[in-house]
């Protein structure tokens, strides 16, 4: 019998990964020898790591639901002759035969999940507070850090203007290290990177 995906184990492992990233950041942050530019580079790499943790968790969480509750997918796609979807096949299905699972926003993740497993089994809820906005910002900032393309810069500028009221945004490193004074911030009066750590932590707990 194919092994069932273990959701609780997934959460535990992801929480450990997250705590390791936070600890690594704190360790670098305590180094007195780092320059301002060094600190900005470090926090950018930490954010890239943070986004990869969130993406892997979201992918594996959806795989677990397809594995545990395959009926909607089998019915909608008129698949006959099988009643179960092994974990490996579930990965292939959500990646559409590609090398990775791609989603651009939390809302898109919800819609993909609904198509794959239906509304009732959808594991991605309407998150409390504005966690979805934090998760989307992480993705946008990460893309600009990694790609430095015109498109990623346009998305970055738009996000900074719409959500942080910055007409002339700073670079990602400075943005992440700056203190968040927003009244609705989940880590008010702390560096923005701490809010993003907390957002991923809370999302993992809720999903």
N, C-alpha and C. Protein backbone atom coordinates (compact mmCIF):
# COMPACT_ATOMS: atom_id res chain seq x y z
N UNK A 1 0.85 -1.20 0.00
CA UNK A 1 0.00 0.00 0.00
C UNK A 1 0.89 1.25 0.00
N UNK A 2 0.60 2.22 -0.89
CA UNK A 2 1.39 3.45 -0.93
C UNK A 2 1.34 4.19 0.41
N UNK A 3 2.46 4.78 0.77
CA UNK A 3 2.54 5.49 2.04
C UNK A 3 1.75 6.79 1.98
N UNK A 4 0.98 7.06 3.04
CA UNK A 4 0.20 8.29 3.11
C UNK A 4 1.09 9.47 3.52
N UNK A 5 0.78 10.63 2.97
CA UNK A 5 1.51 11.84 3.35
C UNK A 5 1.20 12.18 4.81
N UNK A 6 2.21 12.53 5.56
CA UNK A 6 2.07 12.83 6.98
C UNK A 6 2.07 14.35 7.17
N UNK A 7 0.90 14.94 7.37
CA UNK A 7 0.76 16.39 7.47
C UNK A 7 1.42 16.93 8.74
N UNK A 8 1.22 16.25 9.85
CA UNK A 8 1.82 16.72 11.11
C UNK A 8 3.34 16.72 11.04
N UNK A 9 3.88 15.70 10.41
CA UNK A 9 5.33 15.63 10.24
C UNK A 9 5.83 16.74 9.33
N UNK A 10 5.04 17.05 8.30
CA UNK A 10 5.39 18.15 7.39
C UNK A 10 5.47 19.46 8.16
N UNK A 11 4.48 19.71 9.00
CA UNK A 11 4.48 20.95 9.79
C UNK A 11 5.69 21.00 10.72
N UNK A 12 5.96 19.90 11.39
CA UNK A 12 7.09 19.86 12.33
C UNK A 12 8.41 20.15 11.61
N UNK A 13 8.62 19.50 10.49
CA UNK A 13 9.86 19.69 9.74
C UNK A 13 9.99 21.12 9.22
N UNK A 14 8.87 21.67 8.76
CA UNK A 14 8.90 23.04 8.25
C UNK A 14 9.18 24.04 9.36
N UNK A 15 8.59 23.80 10.52
CA UNK A 15 8.84 24.68 11.67
C UNK A 15 10.30 24.63 12.10
N UNK A 16 10.91 23.44 12.01
CA UNK A 16 12.34 23.31 12.33
C UNK A 16 13.17 24.09 11.32
N UNK A 17 12.85 23.94 10.03
CA UNK A 17 13.56 24.69 8.98
C UNK A 17 13.47 26.18 9.23
N UNK A 18 12.27 26.64 9.56
CA UNK A 18 12.06 28.06 9.80
C UNK A 18 12.87 28.55 11.00
N UNK A 19 12.85 27.79 12.07
CA UNK A 19 13.60 28.19 13.27
C UNK A 19 15.10 28.23 12.99
N UNK A 20 15.58 27.35 12.13
CA UNK A 20 17.00 27.34 11.77
C UNK A 20 17.38 28.59 10.98
N UNK A 21 16.48 29.01 10.09
CA UNK A 21 16.74 30.22 9.30
C UNK A 21 16.75 31.45 10.21
N UNK A 22 15.80 31.52 11.13
CA UNK A 22 15.74 32.64 12.07
C UNK A 22 17.01 32.68 12.92
N UNK A 23 17.43 31.52 13.40
CA UNK A 23 18.65 31.44 14.23
C UNK A 23 19.88 31.86 13.42
N UNK A 24 19.92 31.45 12.16
CA UNK A 24 21.06 31.82 11.30
C UNK A 24 21.11 33.33 11.11
N UNK A 25 19.93 33.93 10.89
CA UNK A 25 19.88 35.38 10.71
C UNK A 25 20.35 36.10 11.97
N UNK A 26 19.88 35.64 13.12
CA UNK A 26 20.28 36.28 14.39
C UNK A 26 21.79 36.17 14.61
N UNK A 27 22.34 35.03 14.21
CA UNK A 27 23.79 34.83 14.37
C UNK A 27 24.56 35.84 13.53
N UNK A 28 24.14 36.01 12.27
CA UNK A 28 24.79 36.99 11.40
C UNK A 28 24.58 38.41 11.94
N UNK A 29 23.39 38.65 12.45
CA UNK A 29 23.02 39.99 12.93
C UNK A 29 23.86 40.43 14.12
N UNK A 30 24.40 39.45 14.85
CA UNK A 30 25.20 39.75 16.03
C UNK A 30 26.68 40.00 15.71
N UNK A 31 27.06 39.74 14.47
CA UNK A 31 28.46 39.95 14.08
C UNK A 31 28.75 41.44 13.95
N UNK A 32 29.70 41.92 14.71
CA UNK A 32 30.03 43.35 14.70
C UNK A 32 30.86 43.73 13.47
N UNK A 33 31.46 42.74 12.82
CA UNK A 33 32.36 43.03 11.71
C UNK A 33 31.64 43.31 10.40
N UNK A 34 30.34 43.05 10.34
CA UNK A 34 29.61 43.23 9.09
C UNK A 34 29.33 44.70 8.82
N UNK A 35 29.51 45.09 7.58
CA UNK A 35 29.19 46.45 7.16
C UNK A 35 27.69 46.56 6.88
N UNK A 36 27.22 47.76 6.63
CA UNK A 36 25.81 47.97 6.28
C UNK A 36 25.44 47.16 5.04
N UNK A 37 26.31 47.20 4.04
CA UNK A 37 26.05 46.46 2.81
C UNK A 37 26.06 44.95 3.05
N UNK A 38 26.96 44.50 3.92
CA UNK A 38 26.98 43.07 4.28
C UNK A 38 25.65 42.65 4.89
N UNK A 39 25.16 43.45 5.83
CA UNK A 39 23.89 43.14 6.49
C UNK A 39 22.73 43.11 5.50
N UNK A 40 22.74 44.02 4.56
CA UNK A 40 21.67 44.05 3.56
C UNK A 40 21.72 42.81 2.67
N UNK A 41 22.93 42.39 2.32
CA UNK A 41 23.07 41.19 1.49
C UNK A 41 22.60 39.96 2.27
N UNK A 42 22.99 39.87 3.52
CA UNK A 42 22.60 38.73 4.36
C UNK A 42 21.09 38.63 4.46
N UNK A 43 20.42 39.74 4.76
CA UNK A 43 18.97 39.69 4.95
C UNK A 43 18.25 39.35 3.65
N UNK A 44 18.82 39.75 2.51
CA UNK A 44 18.24 39.37 1.22
C UNK A 44 18.32 37.86 1.01
N UNK A 45 19.46 37.27 1.33
CA UNK A 45 19.62 35.83 1.18
C UNK A 45 18.72 35.07 2.16
N UNK A 46 18.53 35.63 3.34
CA UNK A 46 17.63 35.03 4.32
C UNK A 46 16.21 35.03 3.79
N UNK A 47 15.80 36.13 3.16
CA UNK A 47 14.44 36.20 2.62
C UNK A 47 14.25 35.18 1.49
N UNK A 48 15.26 35.03 0.63
CA UNK A 48 15.18 34.02 -0.44
C UNK A 48 14.98 32.64 0.17
N UNK A 49 15.71 32.35 1.23
CA UNK A 49 15.57 31.07 1.93
C UNK A 49 14.18 30.93 2.53
N UNK A 50 13.68 32.01 3.12
CA UNK A 50 12.35 32.00 3.73
C UNK A 50 11.27 31.70 2.70
N UNK A 51 11.38 32.31 1.53
CA UNK A 51 10.41 32.06 0.47
C UNK A 51 10.44 30.61 0.01
N UNK A 52 11.63 30.03 -0.07
CA UNK A 52 11.74 28.63 -0.50
C UNK A 52 11.08 27.70 0.51
N UNK A 53 11.19 28.03 1.80
CA UNK A 53 10.54 27.22 2.84
C UNK A 53 9.03 27.28 2.68
N UNK A 54 8.50 28.47 2.47
CA UNK A 54 7.05 28.63 2.30
C UNK A 54 6.57 27.91 1.04
N UNK A 55 7.29 28.04 -0.07
CA UNK A 55 6.89 27.39 -1.31
C UNK A 55 6.87 25.88 -1.17
N UNK A 56 7.89 25.32 -0.55
CA UNK A 56 7.96 23.87 -0.38
C UNK A 56 6.83 23.38 0.52
N UNK A 57 6.55 24.14 1.58
CA UNK A 57 5.46 23.75 2.47
C UNK A 57 4.13 23.76 1.73
N UNK A 58 3.85 24.82 0.97
CA UNK A 58 2.59 24.94 0.24
C UNK A 58 2.43 23.79 -0.75
N UNK A 59 3.51 23.47 -1.47
CA UNK A 59 3.46 22.38 -2.43
C UNK A 59 3.17 21.05 -1.74
N UNK A 60 3.91 20.75 -0.69
CA UNK A 60 3.74 19.47 0.00
C UNK A 60 2.40 19.39 0.71
N UNK A 61 1.89 20.54 1.15
CA UNK A 61 0.57 20.54 1.81
C UNK A 61 -0.52 20.19 0.81
N UNK A 62 -0.44 20.73 -0.40
CA UNK A 62 -1.42 20.40 -1.43
C UNK A 62 -1.28 18.95 -1.85
N UNK A 63 -0.05 18.47 -1.97
CA UNK A 63 0.18 17.06 -2.31
C UNK A 63 -0.46 16.15 -1.27
N UNK A 64 -0.35 16.52 -0.01
CA UNK A 64 -0.92 15.69 1.05
C UNK A 64 -2.43 15.57 0.93
N UNK A 65 -3.09 16.65 0.53
CA UNK A 65 -4.55 16.61 0.39
C UNK A 65 -4.96 15.78 -0.82
N UNK A 66 -4.24 15.92 -1.92
CA UNK A 66 -4.52 15.09 -3.10
C UNK A 66 -4.34 13.62 -2.76
N UNK A 67 -3.30 13.34 -1.98
CA UNK A 67 -3.01 11.97 -1.57
C UNK A 67 -4.09 11.42 -0.64
N UNK A 68 -4.57 12.23 0.28
CA UNK A 68 -5.57 11.79 1.26
C UNK A 68 -7.00 11.84 0.72
N UNK A 69 -7.27 12.83 -0.14
CA UNK A 69 -8.65 13.03 -0.63
C UNK A 69 -8.65 13.20 -2.15
N UNK A 70 -8.44 12.10 -2.89
CA UNK A 70 -8.30 12.18 -4.34
C UNK A 70 -9.61 12.20 -5.12
N UNK A 71 -10.74 12.00 -4.45
CA UNK A 71 -12.01 11.80 -5.15
C UNK A 71 -12.36 12.93 -6.11
N UNK A 72 -12.20 14.17 -5.67
CA UNK A 72 -12.56 15.32 -6.51
C UNK A 72 -11.74 15.32 -7.79
N UNK A 73 -10.44 15.14 -7.66
CA UNK A 73 -9.57 15.16 -8.84
C UNK A 73 -9.93 14.03 -9.80
N UNK A 74 -10.13 12.84 -9.27
CA UNK A 74 -10.44 11.69 -10.12
C UNK A 74 -11.76 11.88 -10.85
N UNK A 75 -12.75 12.43 -10.15
CA UNK A 75 -14.07 12.64 -10.75
C UNK A 75 -14.02 13.74 -11.80
N UNK A 76 -13.41 14.88 -11.47
CA UNK A 76 -13.37 16.02 -12.38
C UNK A 76 -12.58 15.72 -13.65
N UNK A 77 -11.60 14.85 -13.55
CA UNK A 77 -10.76 14.53 -14.70
C UNK A 77 -11.13 13.20 -15.35
N UNK A 78 -12.26 12.64 -14.90
CA UNK A 78 -12.79 11.41 -15.48
C UNK A 78 -11.76 10.28 -15.48
N UNK A 79 -11.05 10.16 -14.37
CA UNK A 79 -10.03 9.11 -14.23
C UNK A 79 -10.70 7.86 -13.68
N UNK A 80 -10.55 6.77 -14.40
CA UNK A 80 -11.18 5.52 -13.98
C UNK A 80 -10.12 4.44 -13.73
N UNK A 81 -10.49 3.50 -12.92
CA UNK A 81 -9.61 2.35 -12.68
C UNK A 81 -8.70 2.50 -11.48
N UNK A 82 -8.62 3.70 -10.91
CA UNK A 82 -7.83 3.88 -9.69
C UNK A 82 -8.64 4.66 -8.66
N UNK A 83 -8.37 4.41 -7.41
CA UNK A 83 -9.07 5.10 -6.33
C UNK A 83 -8.13 5.91 -5.44
N UNK A 84 -6.83 5.73 -5.66
CA UNK A 84 -5.84 6.43 -4.83
C UNK A 84 -4.81 7.13 -5.71
N UNK A 85 -4.25 8.21 -5.20
CA UNK A 85 -3.20 8.94 -5.89
C UNK A 85 -1.96 8.95 -4.99
N UNK A 86 -0.92 8.20 -5.36
CA UNK A 86 0.30 8.17 -4.55
C UNK A 86 0.96 9.55 -4.48
N UNK A 87 1.80 9.74 -3.49
CA UNK A 87 2.47 11.03 -3.30
C UNK A 87 3.26 11.45 -4.54
N UNK A 88 4.01 10.51 -5.11
CA UNK A 88 4.82 10.84 -6.29
C UNK A 88 3.98 11.32 -7.46
N UNK A 89 2.85 10.67 -7.69
CA UNK A 89 1.95 11.08 -8.76
C UNK A 89 1.34 12.44 -8.45
N UNK A 90 1.00 12.68 -7.19
CA UNK A 90 0.43 13.98 -6.79
C UNK A 90 1.40 15.11 -7.09
N UNK A 91 2.69 14.89 -6.82
CA UNK A 91 3.69 15.90 -7.15
C UNK A 91 3.70 16.18 -8.65
N UNK A 92 3.69 15.12 -9.45
CA UNK A 92 3.71 15.28 -10.90
C UNK A 92 2.48 16.03 -11.40
N UNK A 93 1.34 15.77 -10.78
CA UNK A 93 0.10 16.42 -11.20
C UNK A 93 0.11 17.92 -10.94
N UNK A 94 0.53 18.32 -9.74
CA UNK A 94 0.48 19.76 -9.45
C UNK A 94 1.61 20.51 -10.15
N UNK A 95 2.68 19.80 -10.53
CA UNK A 95 3.76 20.43 -11.29
C UNK A 95 3.49 20.41 -12.79
N UNK A 96 2.40 19.75 -13.17
CA UNK A 96 2.00 19.65 -14.58
C UNK A 96 3.12 19.10 -15.45
N UNK A 97 3.84 18.14 -14.91
CA UNK A 97 4.91 17.51 -15.67
C UNK A 97 6.21 18.28 -15.64
N UNK A 98 6.23 19.45 -15.01
CA UNK A 98 7.43 20.26 -14.95
C UNK A 98 8.30 19.91 -13.75
N UNK A 99 9.26 20.79 -13.46
CA UNK A 99 10.21 20.52 -12.38
C UNK A 99 9.80 21.13 -11.05
N UNK A 100 8.84 22.05 -11.08
CA UNK A 100 8.46 22.70 -9.83
C UNK A 100 7.01 23.17 -9.89
N UNK A 101 6.46 23.43 -8.71
CA UNK A 101 5.09 23.91 -8.57
C UNK A 101 5.13 25.43 -8.52
N UNK A 102 4.40 26.07 -9.40
CA UNK A 102 4.47 27.52 -9.53
C UNK A 102 3.15 28.18 -9.16
N UNK A 103 3.21 29.14 -8.24
CA UNK A 103 2.05 29.98 -7.95
C UNK A 103 2.58 31.37 -7.61
N UNK A 104 1.84 32.39 -8.01
CA UNK A 104 2.33 33.77 -7.87
C UNK A 104 1.77 34.51 -6.68
N UNK A 105 0.70 34.02 -6.12
CA UNK A 105 0.10 34.70 -4.97
C UNK A 105 -0.68 33.69 -4.14
N UNK A 106 -1.04 34.11 -2.94
CA UNK A 106 -1.82 33.20 -2.09
C UNK A 106 -3.19 32.94 -2.68
N UNK A 107 -3.81 33.95 -3.28
CA UNK A 107 -5.12 33.76 -3.91
C UNK A 107 -5.04 32.76 -5.06
N UNK A 108 -3.95 32.84 -5.83
CA UNK A 108 -3.78 31.88 -6.92
C UNK A 108 -3.59 30.47 -6.36
N UNK A 109 -2.90 30.36 -5.25
CA UNK A 109 -2.72 29.07 -4.59
C UNK A 109 -4.06 28.48 -4.18
N UNK A 110 -4.94 29.32 -3.65
CA UNK A 110 -6.28 28.87 -3.26
C UNK A 110 -7.04 28.35 -4.47
N UNK A 111 -6.99 29.08 -5.58
CA UNK A 111 -7.73 28.68 -6.78
C UNK A 111 -7.19 27.38 -7.36
N UNK A 112 -5.87 27.23 -7.39
CA UNK A 112 -5.26 25.98 -7.87
C UNK A 112 -5.73 24.82 -7.01
N UNK A 113 -5.71 25.03 -5.71
CA UNK A 113 -6.12 23.98 -4.77
C UNK A 113 -7.58 23.60 -4.96
N UNK A 114 -8.44 24.59 -5.15
CA UNK A 114 -9.86 24.30 -5.37
C UNK A 114 -10.07 23.45 -6.61
N UNK A 115 -9.31 23.75 -7.66
CA UNK A 115 -9.44 22.96 -8.89
C UNK A 115 -8.95 21.53 -8.69
N UNK A 116 -7.92 21.37 -7.86
CA UNK A 116 -7.33 20.05 -7.67
C UNK A 116 -8.11 19.17 -6.70
N UNK A 117 -8.60 19.77 -5.60
CA UNK A 117 -9.22 18.95 -4.55
C UNK A 117 -10.63 19.38 -4.18
N UNK A 118 -11.12 20.47 -4.78
CA UNK A 118 -12.47 20.93 -4.47
C UNK A 118 -12.49 21.92 -3.32
N UNK A 119 -13.62 22.57 -3.15
CA UNK A 119 -13.75 23.61 -2.12
C UNK A 119 -13.66 23.03 -0.71
N UNK A 120 -14.34 21.93 -0.48
CA UNK A 120 -14.41 21.37 0.88
C UNK A 120 -13.06 20.87 1.38
N UNK A 121 -12.26 20.31 0.49
CA UNK A 121 -10.97 19.74 0.91
C UNK A 121 -9.81 20.73 0.79
N UNK A 122 -10.09 21.91 0.26
CA UNK A 122 -9.05 22.92 0.07
C UNK A 122 -8.35 23.23 1.40
N UNK A 123 -7.03 23.00 1.48
CA UNK A 123 -6.32 23.19 2.75
C UNK A 123 -5.90 24.63 3.02
N UNK A 124 -6.09 25.50 2.03
CA UNK A 124 -5.61 26.88 2.16
C UNK A 124 -6.77 27.81 2.51
N UNK A 125 -6.89 28.19 3.78
CA UNK A 125 -8.01 29.00 4.23
C UNK A 125 -7.79 30.48 3.97
N UNK A 126 -8.84 31.25 4.23
CA UNK A 126 -8.65 32.69 4.28
C UNK A 126 -7.87 32.97 5.56
N UNK A 127 -6.64 33.38 5.41
CA UNK A 127 -5.77 33.53 6.57
C UNK A 127 -6.18 34.70 7.45
N UNK A 128 -5.93 34.57 8.74
CA UNK A 128 -6.27 35.62 9.69
C UNK A 128 -5.38 36.84 9.47
N UNK A 129 -5.94 38.00 9.76
CA UNK A 129 -5.17 39.23 9.61
C UNK A 129 -4.82 39.48 8.15
N UNK A 130 -3.60 39.89 7.92
CA UNK A 130 -3.14 40.17 6.55
C UNK A 130 -1.97 39.28 6.19
N UNK A 131 -1.99 38.04 6.67
CA UNK A 131 -0.88 37.12 6.41
C UNK A 131 -0.67 36.88 4.92
N UNK A 132 -1.78 36.82 4.16
CA UNK A 132 -1.65 36.59 2.73
C UNK A 132 -0.85 37.71 2.06
N UNK A 133 -1.04 38.95 2.53
CA UNK A 133 -0.29 40.07 1.98
C UNK A 133 1.20 39.96 2.31
N UNK A 134 1.50 39.51 3.50
CA UNK A 134 2.91 39.28 3.87
C UNK A 134 3.53 38.22 2.96
N UNK A 135 2.82 37.12 2.76
CA UNK A 135 3.34 36.02 1.93
C UNK A 135 3.56 36.48 0.50
N UNK A 136 2.62 37.27 -0.03
CA UNK A 136 2.77 37.77 -1.40
C UNK A 136 3.93 38.75 -1.51
N UNK A 137 4.13 39.57 -0.48
CA UNK A 137 5.25 40.51 -0.49
C UNK A 137 6.58 39.77 -0.46
N UNK A 138 6.65 38.71 0.33
CA UNK A 138 7.87 37.90 0.37
C UNK A 138 8.22 37.41 -1.03
N UNK A 139 7.22 36.92 -1.75
CA UNK A 139 7.45 36.39 -3.10
C UNK A 139 7.92 37.48 -4.06
N UNK A 140 7.29 38.65 -3.97
CA UNK A 140 7.64 39.76 -4.87
C UNK A 140 9.06 40.26 -4.60
N UNK A 141 9.40 40.42 -3.33
CA UNK A 141 10.75 40.89 -2.97
C UNK A 141 11.78 39.84 -3.35
N UNK A 142 11.46 38.58 -3.12
CA UNK A 142 12.38 37.50 -3.49
C UNK A 142 12.66 37.50 -4.99
N UNK A 143 11.61 37.65 -5.79
CA UNK A 143 11.79 37.64 -7.24
C UNK A 143 12.69 38.78 -7.71
N UNK A 144 12.54 39.94 -7.09
CA UNK A 144 13.40 41.06 -7.47
C UNK A 144 14.84 40.81 -7.05
N UNK A 145 15.05 40.25 -5.87
CA UNK A 145 16.40 39.93 -5.41
C UNK A 145 17.09 38.95 -6.36
N UNK A 146 16.36 37.93 -6.74
CA UNK A 146 16.94 36.84 -7.53
C UNK A 146 17.10 37.20 -9.00
N UNK A 147 16.08 37.83 -9.58
CA UNK A 147 16.07 38.03 -11.03
C UNK A 147 16.59 39.40 -11.48
N UNK A 148 16.32 40.45 -10.69
CA UNK A 148 16.74 41.80 -11.07
C UNK A 148 16.26 42.19 -12.48
N UNK A 149 15.17 41.61 -12.91
CA UNK A 149 14.64 41.92 -14.24
C UNK A 149 13.77 43.17 -14.19
N UNK A 150 13.48 43.73 -15.37
CA UNK A 150 12.59 44.90 -15.43
C UNK A 150 11.22 44.56 -14.87
N UNK A 151 10.74 43.36 -15.20
CA UNK A 151 9.42 42.93 -14.75
C UNK A 151 9.38 42.80 -13.22
N UNK A 152 10.41 42.18 -12.65
CA UNK A 152 10.43 42.00 -11.19
C UNK A 152 10.58 43.34 -10.48
N UNK A 153 11.30 44.27 -11.09
CA UNK A 153 11.46 45.61 -10.50
C UNK A 153 10.14 46.37 -10.53
N UNK A 154 9.41 46.24 -11.64
CA UNK A 154 8.10 46.89 -11.74
C UNK A 154 7.15 46.37 -10.67
N UNK A 155 7.14 45.05 -10.48
CA UNK A 155 6.28 44.45 -9.45
C UNK A 155 6.70 44.90 -8.06
N UNK A 156 8.01 45.00 -7.85
CA UNK A 156 8.54 45.44 -6.56
C UNK A 156 8.13 46.88 -6.27
N UNK A 157 8.30 47.76 -7.24
CA UNK A 157 7.93 49.16 -7.06
C UNK A 157 6.44 49.31 -6.79
N UNK A 158 5.63 48.55 -7.54
CA UNK A 158 4.18 48.63 -7.35
C UNK A 158 3.79 48.18 -5.94
N UNK A 159 4.42 47.10 -5.48
CA UNK A 159 4.11 46.59 -4.15
C UNK A 159 4.50 47.60 -3.06
N UNK A 160 5.66 48.18 -3.22
CA UNK A 160 6.13 49.15 -2.23
C UNK A 160 5.21 50.38 -2.18
N UNK A 161 4.72 50.79 -3.33
CA UNK A 161 3.85 51.97 -3.37
C UNK A 161 2.47 51.66 -2.80
N UNK A 162 1.91 50.50 -3.18
CA UNK A 162 0.55 50.16 -2.77
C UNK A 162 0.45 49.77 -1.30
N UNK A 163 1.41 49.01 -0.81
CA UNK A 163 1.32 48.47 0.55
C UNK A 163 2.16 49.22 1.59
N UNK A 164 3.19 49.94 1.11
CA UNK A 164 4.07 50.62 2.06
C UNK A 164 4.18 52.12 1.79
N UNK A 165 3.39 52.61 0.83
CA UNK A 165 3.31 54.04 0.52
C UNK A 165 4.66 54.63 0.16
N UNK A 166 5.48 53.86 -0.55
CA UNK A 166 6.80 54.32 -0.97
C UNK A 166 6.78 54.64 -2.46
N UNK A 167 6.82 55.91 -2.80
CA UNK A 167 6.85 56.30 -4.21
C UNK A 167 8.22 56.03 -4.81
N UNK A 168 9.26 56.15 -3.99
CA UNK A 168 10.63 55.89 -4.44
C UNK A 168 11.24 54.86 -3.47
N UNK A 169 10.95 53.59 -3.70
CA UNK A 169 11.35 52.55 -2.74
C UNK A 169 12.85 52.34 -2.65
N UNK A 170 13.28 51.97 -1.47
CA UNK A 170 14.68 51.61 -1.26
C UNK A 170 14.93 50.21 -1.82
N UNK A 171 16.17 49.77 -1.78
CA UNK A 171 16.48 48.43 -2.23
C UNK A 171 15.94 47.39 -1.25
N UNK A 172 15.86 46.13 -1.66
CA UNK A 172 15.30 45.08 -0.80
C UNK A 172 15.99 44.95 0.55
N UNK A 173 17.31 45.04 0.57
CA UNK A 173 18.03 44.89 1.84
C UNK A 173 17.66 45.97 2.84
N UNK A 174 17.64 47.21 2.37
CA UNK A 174 17.28 48.32 3.25
C UNK A 174 15.82 48.21 3.69
N UNK A 175 14.95 47.82 2.76
CA UNK A 175 13.53 47.64 3.08
C UNK A 175 13.35 46.61 4.18
N UNK A 176 14.02 45.47 4.07
CA UNK A 176 13.85 44.38 5.03
C UNK A 176 14.41 44.71 6.41
N UNK A 177 15.44 45.53 6.46
CA UNK A 177 16.06 45.89 7.73
C UNK A 177 15.40 47.09 8.41
N UNK A 178 14.60 47.83 7.65
CA UNK A 178 13.95 49.02 8.21
C UNK A 178 12.88 48.63 9.22
N UNK A 179 12.65 49.51 10.18
CA UNK A 179 11.64 49.27 11.22
C UNK A 179 10.24 49.43 10.63
N UNK A 180 9.36 48.51 10.97
CA UNK A 180 7.97 48.56 10.50
C UNK A 180 7.12 49.28 11.56
N UNK A 181 6.64 50.46 11.20
CA UNK A 181 5.86 51.27 12.14
C UNK A 181 4.36 51.18 11.89
N UNK A 182 3.94 50.37 10.93
CA UNK A 182 2.51 50.27 10.61
C UNK A 182 1.73 49.75 11.82
N UNK A 183 0.57 50.37 12.06
CA UNK A 183 -0.24 50.00 13.22
C UNK A 183 -0.70 48.55 13.17
N UNK A 184 -0.93 48.03 11.96
CA UNK A 184 -1.44 46.66 11.83
C UNK A 184 -0.32 45.64 11.60
N UNK A 185 0.91 46.04 11.81
CA UNK A 185 2.03 45.13 11.62
C UNK A 185 2.03 44.03 12.67
N UNK A 186 2.37 42.82 12.26
CA UNK A 186 2.42 41.73 13.23
C UNK A 186 3.71 41.76 14.06
N UNK A 187 4.64 42.60 13.64
CA UNK A 187 5.86 42.83 14.42
C UNK A 187 6.17 44.33 14.39
N UNK A 188 5.24 45.11 14.95
CA UNK A 188 5.40 46.56 14.94
C UNK A 188 6.64 46.98 15.72
N UNK A 189 7.32 48.00 15.18
CA UNK A 189 8.53 48.57 15.79
C UNK A 189 9.71 47.60 15.77
N UNK A 190 9.65 46.63 14.87
CA UNK A 190 10.77 45.71 14.67
C UNK A 190 11.15 45.72 13.19
N UNK A 191 12.35 45.25 12.84
CA UNK A 191 12.72 45.17 11.43
C UNK A 191 11.69 44.35 10.63
N UNK A 192 11.43 44.77 9.41
CA UNK A 192 10.39 44.11 8.61
C UNK A 192 10.64 42.62 8.43
N UNK A 193 11.89 42.22 8.37
CA UNK A 193 12.18 40.80 8.18
C UNK A 193 11.56 39.96 9.29
N UNK A 194 11.47 40.52 10.50
CA UNK A 194 10.86 39.79 11.62
C UNK A 194 9.38 39.55 11.38
N UNK A 195 8.72 40.51 10.75
CA UNK A 195 7.31 40.33 10.40
C UNK A 195 7.12 39.23 9.39
N UNK A 196 8.05 39.12 8.45
CA UNK A 196 7.95 38.06 7.45
C UNK A 196 8.22 36.69 8.06
N UNK A 197 9.16 36.62 8.99
CA UNK A 197 9.36 35.37 9.73
C UNK A 197 8.06 34.94 10.41
N UNK A 198 7.44 35.88 11.11
CA UNK A 198 6.23 35.60 11.86
C UNK A 198 5.07 35.22 10.95
N UNK A 199 4.99 35.85 9.79
CA UNK A 199 3.90 35.55 8.84
C UNK A 199 3.97 34.11 8.36
N UNK A 200 5.16 33.65 8.00
CA UNK A 200 5.32 32.27 7.55
C UNK A 200 5.02 31.31 8.69
N UNK A 201 5.49 31.64 9.88
CA UNK A 201 5.23 30.79 11.05
C UNK A 201 3.73 30.64 11.30
N UNK A 202 3.00 31.75 11.27
CA UNK A 202 1.56 31.69 11.52
C UNK A 202 0.82 30.98 10.39
N UNK A 203 1.26 31.18 9.16
CA UNK A 203 0.61 30.53 8.01
C UNK A 203 0.73 29.01 8.12
N UNK A 204 1.91 28.54 8.49
CA UNK A 204 2.13 27.10 8.64
C UNK A 204 1.19 26.53 9.70
N UNK A 205 0.98 27.28 10.77
CA UNK A 205 0.10 26.83 11.85
C UNK A 205 -1.35 26.76 11.41
N UNK A 206 -1.78 27.71 10.58
CA UNK A 206 -3.18 27.79 10.17
C UNK A 206 -3.55 26.85 9.03
N UNK A 207 -2.57 26.46 8.24
CA UNK A 207 -2.87 25.69 7.02
C UNK A 207 -2.80 24.19 7.31
